[in-house]
Structure formats: C-alpha cells, structure tokens
Amino acid sequence: MPVLEPFSIECTSHSEEQTHRLGMRLGALLPRHAVVTLQGPLGAGKTSFARGVGAGWGAEQPLRSPTFTLVQEHHRRQDDATLYHVDLYRVENENDLASLGLGEILEDEHSVCVIEWPERAAGLIPHDAIRVKFEPVSDTRRQLTLSTQDAQTWQVLLAFRKSAFGV
C-alpha cells in the first residue's frame, strides 16, 4: 500500500521565509488557468505561501491578505495576465460566493487563481486544481501536502519538486 496518495508530494517548511520560497517555486511554474487552493487553520502559513506564489508568478505588487476585500487582482507586465487571490474565510453561504463572482474567476482561461479556505466553495473547485494542505507541527514548522487529481497538473507538481528539492 502506498504511503502517499497518488499525485501527492509532502514537504516540511521550517520557517515563514521557507514557506514563502516554496510558494515562489510553485508560482514560477503555474500555467494559465491554474487554480491553487490553500487549506489549513489560521496562522498555518497560507498567506505566506500565497505571497510566494505571487512573487514567483511575477505579480507587480506583493500579495496581501485579502480577508477584508475577499478578492484581489494582481497583474504582471510581460503579458498582462491576472492572478486572483481569493480568501473565503468570511464566506458563509452560496449567496456570498455568487456575489464574489468566483465561478467567473475560475472560468477565466487567462488567469491564475489562488484560493484560501477552499472548503467553503468545494463544489466550485476544479478537479485539476493544485491543493496545498498546511498542518502546523510547531510554532515555526509546517507540514505541506501538495496534490492534484489530474495527470497533466501532476507534471507541474513534478517540476515543482525538481525546482524546490532537486529530485
């Protein structure tokens, strides 16, 4: 019996800076129409990872926690692509989701979408999303599991593993 689920990578981050750098490695590899979900408790490192994704992807401005605005748009100069940073922490029901326009964001084939608290929109998350689960181990250490259900997206995660860990 396999130790890990299929299409899954586990790693440990030992600091907020390392979590940010892991996000940068993934962000640099994201194709258009990629969806990255970040799941874990408050303070687990989701926003640090998201900031890294934005930096690696090439966002013109650093990503900030979108908790109060729920959706932030970021652009990059070389192709004017859009990265949507979505925080569903304050979403309470389907009406809230509809008012955010999350469905339309996820259908935008020219964008990348990073979603914190994806469990609040589970029915909208595409099967080819990259799912990152954060589990605090100590005050500074985090266990990260990156996974997908899609063979093509798995190739992105394999490239991430090679970029981040050399294997």
Foldseek 3Di string as FASTA:
>chain_A
DDPDDPQKDKDKFQALVSLLQLLLLLLLLDDFLAEEEEEDDPPLNLLSSVQSSCVNVAFPDGDDDCVPVQWDWTAHDPPRFIEIEGECPVPDDVVSVVVVVVLVVSVPRRYYYYYYPCVRVVVRDDQAYWYWYWDDPDNGMIMIMTGGNDPVSSVSVVSSCCSSPVD
